[in-house]
């Protein structure tokens, strides 16, 4: 979790030095198609962020997927942890 100031700094940074911002909410909330249940929060997502609902990282019984499978899920969502500064 980052402070708002750090997120804003990241958004203003040159493309080759940005960190990937991952939104773990349900895809409908990310897309702004579902109402935001939290008061004073706008629907939709931050520009440049990627949607990766946390439920996609869970396997049977609600347990976290093994590391290799999590890396595959992140890659499919557009993330490459090895490419980040």
N, C-alpha and C. Protein backbone atom coordinates (compact mmCIF):
# COMPACT_ATOMS: atom_id res chain seq x y z
N UNK A 1 0.85 -1.17 0.00
CA UNK A 1 0.00 0.00 0.00
C UNK A 1 0.90 1.23 0.00
N UNK A 2 0.64 2.15 -0.91
CA UNK A 2 1.41 3.38 -1.01
C UNK A 2 0.56 4.56 -0.58
N UNK A 3 1.22 5.61 -0.13
CA UNK A 3 0.56 6.88 0.15
C UNK A 3 0.18 7.52 -1.19
N UNK A 4 -0.84 8.35 -1.17
CA UNK A 4 -1.31 9.00 -2.39
C UNK A 4 -0.19 9.75 -3.09
N UNK A 5 0.68 10.42 -2.35
CA UNK A 5 1.77 11.19 -2.96
C UNK A 5 2.71 10.29 -3.76
N UNK A 6 2.98 9.10 -3.25
CA UNK A 6 3.87 8.18 -3.96
C UNK A 6 3.21 7.66 -5.25
N UNK A 7 1.92 7.41 -5.20
CA UNK A 7 1.19 6.98 -6.40
C UNK A 7 1.24 8.09 -7.45
N UNK A 8 0.99 9.32 -7.05
CA UNK A 8 1.02 10.44 -8.00
C UNK A 8 2.41 10.62 -8.59
N UNK A 9 3.45 10.47 -7.77
CA UNK A 9 4.83 10.55 -8.28
C UNK A 9 5.07 9.45 -9.31
N UNK A 10 4.57 8.25 -9.04
CA UNK A 10 4.75 7.14 -9.97
C UNK A 10 4.04 7.42 -11.30
N UNK A 11 2.84 7.98 -11.25
CA UNK A 11 2.11 8.28 -12.48
C UNK A 11 2.81 9.34 -13.32
N UNK A 12 3.53 10.26 -12.65
CA UNK A 12 4.22 11.33 -13.36
C UNK A 12 5.62 10.93 -13.84
N UNK A 13 6.11 9.78 -13.41
CA UNK A 13 7.47 9.33 -13.76
C UNK A 13 7.56 8.93 -15.22
N UNK A 14 8.77 8.96 -15.78
CA UNK A 14 8.96 8.47 -17.16
C UNK A 14 8.54 7.00 -17.26
N UNK A 15 8.06 6.59 -18.41
CA UNK A 15 7.51 5.24 -18.58
C UNK A 15 8.50 4.14 -18.21
N UNK A 16 9.78 4.35 -18.46
CA UNK A 16 10.75 3.29 -18.20
C UNK A 16 11.14 3.17 -16.73
N UNK A 17 10.62 4.05 -15.88
CA UNK A 17 10.96 3.97 -14.46
C UNK A 17 9.73 3.81 -13.57
N UNK A 18 8.57 3.57 -14.18
CA UNK A 18 7.35 3.42 -13.40
C UNK A 18 7.20 2.02 -12.85
N UNK A 19 6.54 1.94 -11.72
CA UNK A 19 6.11 0.67 -11.17
C UNK A 19 4.72 0.37 -11.71
N UNK A 20 4.40 -0.88 -11.87
CA UNK A 20 3.08 -1.28 -12.32
C UNK A 20 2.11 -1.18 -11.16
N UNK A 21 0.99 -0.51 -11.38
CA UNK A 21 -0.06 -0.41 -10.37
C UNK A 21 -1.11 -1.46 -10.70
N UNK A 22 -1.34 -2.37 -9.74
CA UNK A 22 -2.29 -3.46 -9.93
C UNK A 22 -3.52 -3.21 -9.06
N UNK A 23 -4.67 -3.28 -9.69
CA UNK A 23 -5.95 -3.09 -9.00
C UNK A 23 -6.54 -4.47 -8.74
N UNK A 24 -6.69 -4.84 -7.46
CA UNK A 24 -7.12 -6.19 -7.09
C UNK A 24 -8.63 -6.31 -6.88
N UNK A 25 -9.37 -5.24 -7.18
CA UNK A 25 -10.83 -5.31 -7.03
C UNK A 25 -11.45 -6.11 -8.17
N UNK A 26 -12.72 -6.43 -8.05
CA UNK A 26 -13.44 -7.14 -9.12
C UNK A 26 -13.36 -6.33 -10.41
N UNK A 27 -13.30 -7.04 -11.55
CA UNK A 27 -13.14 -6.39 -12.85
C UNK A 27 -14.24 -5.36 -13.13
N UNK A 28 -15.46 -5.64 -12.71
CA UNK A 28 -16.56 -4.69 -12.95
C UNK A 28 -16.33 -3.37 -12.22
N UNK A 29 -15.75 -3.42 -11.05
CA UNK A 29 -15.43 -2.18 -10.33
C UNK A 29 -14.27 -1.46 -11.01
N UNK A 30 -13.27 -2.21 -11.47
CA UNK A 30 -12.14 -1.62 -12.20
C UNK A 30 -12.63 -0.88 -13.44
N UNK A 31 -13.57 -1.49 -14.15
CA UNK A 31 -14.10 -0.91 -15.39
C UNK A 31 -15.13 0.18 -15.14
N UNK A 32 -15.57 0.35 -13.91
CA UNK A 32 -16.58 1.36 -13.59
C UNK A 32 -17.98 0.89 -13.90
N UNK A 33 -18.16 -0.41 -14.21
CA UNK A 33 -19.47 -0.95 -14.55
C UNK A 33 -20.28 -1.28 -13.30
N UNK A 34 -19.61 -1.46 -12.17
CA UNK A 34 -20.30 -1.73 -10.91
C UNK A 34 -20.09 -0.54 -9.99
N UNK A 35 -21.10 -0.24 -9.22
CA UNK A 35 -21.02 0.88 -8.29
C UNK A 35 -19.91 0.65 -7.26
N UNK A 36 -19.22 1.71 -6.91
CA UNK A 36 -18.18 1.65 -5.89
C UNK A 36 -18.86 1.68 -4.52
N UNK A 37 -18.69 0.62 -3.72
CA UNK A 37 -19.39 0.57 -2.43
C UNK A 37 -18.80 1.48 -1.35
N UNK A 38 -17.59 1.96 -1.55
CA UNK A 38 -16.96 2.83 -0.55
C UNK A 38 -17.39 4.27 -0.76
N UNK A 39 -17.72 4.93 0.31
CA UNK A 39 -18.14 6.33 0.23
C UNK A 39 -16.98 7.20 -0.26
N UNK A 40 -17.30 8.21 -1.04
CA UNK A 40 -16.34 9.20 -1.53
C UNK A 40 -15.26 8.63 -2.44
N UNK A 41 -15.52 7.48 -3.08
CA UNK A 41 -14.57 6.90 -4.04
C UNK A 41 -15.23 6.86 -5.41
N UNK A 42 -14.49 7.33 -6.40
CA UNK A 42 -15.02 7.32 -7.77
C UNK A 42 -14.96 5.91 -8.36
N UNK A 43 -15.84 5.64 -9.29
CA UNK A 43 -15.83 4.36 -10.00
C UNK A 43 -14.69 4.37 -11.02
N UNK A 44 -14.28 3.19 -11.42
CA UNK A 44 -13.26 3.08 -12.44
C UNK A 44 -11.88 2.85 -11.85
N UNK A 45 -10.86 3.15 -12.65
CA UNK A 45 -9.49 2.84 -12.26
C UNK A 45 -8.54 3.99 -12.57
N UNK A 46 -7.32 3.89 -12.04
CA UNK A 46 -6.29 4.88 -12.33
C UNK A 46 -5.74 4.63 -13.73
N UNK A 47 -5.43 5.67 -14.48
CA UNK A 47 -4.84 5.49 -15.80
C UNK A 47 -3.54 4.68 -15.70
N UNK A 48 -3.38 3.73 -16.60
CA UNK A 48 -2.17 2.93 -16.64
C UNK A 48 -2.16 1.73 -15.71
N UNK A 49 -3.16 1.60 -14.85
CA UNK A 49 -3.19 0.46 -13.94
C UNK A 49 -3.73 -0.78 -14.66
N UNK A 50 -3.45 -1.94 -14.09
CA UNK A 50 -3.91 -3.21 -14.66
C UNK A 50 -4.89 -3.86 -13.69
N UNK A 51 -5.86 -4.55 -14.24
CA UNK A 51 -6.83 -5.27 -13.42
C UNK A 51 -6.35 -6.69 -13.18
N UNK A 52 -6.30 -7.06 -11.92
CA UNK A 52 -5.98 -8.43 -11.54
C UNK A 52 -6.74 -8.72 -10.25
N UNK A 53 -8.02 -9.14 -10.38
CA UNK A 53 -8.80 -9.44 -9.19
C UNK A 53 -8.09 -10.46 -8.30
N UNK A 54 -8.06 -10.19 -7.01
CA UNK A 54 -7.32 -11.06 -6.09
C UNK A 54 -7.79 -12.50 -6.16
N UNK A 55 -9.06 -12.71 -6.54
CA UNK A 55 -9.58 -14.07 -6.61
C UNK A 55 -8.86 -14.92 -7.66
N UNK A 56 -8.22 -14.26 -8.65
CA UNK A 56 -7.49 -15.00 -9.67
C UNK A 56 -6.17 -15.57 -9.14
N UNK A 57 -5.78 -15.14 -7.95
CA UNK A 57 -4.54 -15.64 -7.34
C UNK A 57 -4.81 -16.74 -6.32
N UNK A 58 -6.08 -17.14 -6.22
CA UNK A 58 -6.46 -18.16 -5.26
C UNK A 58 -6.80 -19.47 -5.97
N UNK A 59 -6.41 -20.56 -5.35
CA UNK A 59 -6.71 -21.88 -5.88
C UNK A 59 -7.83 -22.51 -5.08
N UNK A 60 -7.85 -23.84 -5.10
CA UNK A 60 -8.88 -24.58 -4.38
C UNK A 60 -8.83 -24.25 -2.89
N UNK A 61 -10.00 -24.14 -2.32
CA UNK A 61 -10.10 -23.87 -0.88
C UNK A 61 -9.71 -22.45 -0.50
N UNK A 62 -9.53 -21.58 -1.48
CA UNK A 62 -9.20 -20.19 -1.18
C UNK A 62 -7.74 -19.97 -0.81
N UNK A 63 -6.89 -20.95 -1.07
CA UNK A 63 -5.47 -20.82 -0.75
C UNK A 63 -4.73 -20.16 -1.91
N UNK A 64 -3.67 -19.42 -1.57
CA UNK A 64 -2.85 -18.74 -2.56
C UNK A 64 -2.23 -19.76 -3.52
N UNK A 65 -2.25 -19.42 -4.82
CA UNK A 65 -1.61 -20.28 -5.82
C UNK A 65 -0.11 -20.35 -5.56
N UNK A 66 0.54 -21.42 -6.02
CA UNK A 66 2.00 -21.50 -5.91
C UNK A 66 2.65 -20.34 -6.69
N UNK A 67 3.87 -19.99 -6.31
CA UNK A 67 4.57 -18.83 -6.88
C UNK A 67 4.63 -18.87 -8.40
N UNK A 68 4.94 -20.03 -8.98
CA UNK A 68 5.05 -20.12 -10.44
C UNK A 68 3.72 -19.80 -11.12
N UNK A 69 2.64 -20.29 -10.57
CA UNK A 69 1.31 -20.00 -11.14
C UNK A 69 0.96 -18.54 -10.95
N UNK A 70 1.30 -17.95 -9.81
CA UNK A 70 1.04 -16.52 -9.60
C UNK A 70 1.79 -15.68 -10.63
N UNK A 71 3.03 -16.04 -10.93
CA UNK A 71 3.80 -15.32 -11.93
C UNK A 71 3.12 -15.39 -13.29
N UNK A 72 2.56 -16.55 -13.62
CA UNK A 72 1.85 -16.71 -14.90
C UNK A 72 0.60 -15.84 -14.93
N UNK A 73 -0.12 -15.76 -13.82
CA UNK A 73 -1.33 -14.93 -13.74
C UNK A 73 -0.96 -13.46 -13.90
N UNK A 74 0.12 -13.02 -13.23
CA UNK A 74 0.57 -11.63 -13.36
C UNK A 74 0.98 -11.33 -14.79
N UNK A 75 1.71 -12.24 -15.43
CA UNK A 75 2.14 -12.04 -16.81
C UNK A 75 0.94 -11.93 -17.74
N UNK A 76 -0.07 -12.76 -17.54
CA UNK A 76 -1.27 -12.71 -18.38
C UNK A 76 -2.03 -11.40 -18.20
N UNK A 77 -1.90 -10.78 -17.03
CA UNK A 77 -2.58 -9.51 -16.76
C UNK A 77 -1.77 -8.31 -17.27
N UNK A 78 -0.58 -8.58 -17.81
CA UNK A 78 0.24 -7.49 -18.35
C UNK A 78 1.38 -7.08 -17.45
N UNK A 79 1.64 -7.84 -16.41
CA UNK A 79 2.72 -7.50 -15.50
C UNK A 79 3.95 -8.35 -15.72
N UNK A 80 5.09 -7.77 -15.51
CA UNK A 80 6.36 -8.49 -15.59
C UNK A 80 7.24 -7.98 -14.46
N UNK A 81 7.18 -8.61 -13.29
CA UNK A 81 7.94 -8.12 -12.14
C UNK A 81 9.43 -7.95 -12.42
N UNK A 82 10.01 -8.75 -13.30
CA UNK A 82 11.44 -8.64 -13.57
C UNK A 82 11.77 -7.38 -14.38
N UNK A 83 10.78 -6.78 -15.01
CA UNK A 83 11.02 -5.59 -15.84
C UNK A 83 10.86 -4.29 -15.07
N UNK A 84 10.51 -4.37 -13.81
CA UNK A 84 10.28 -3.15 -13.02
C UNK A 84 11.55 -2.72 -12.32
N UNK A 85 11.72 -1.40 -12.11
CA UNK A 85 12.92 -0.91 -11.41
C UNK A 85 12.98 -1.37 -9.98
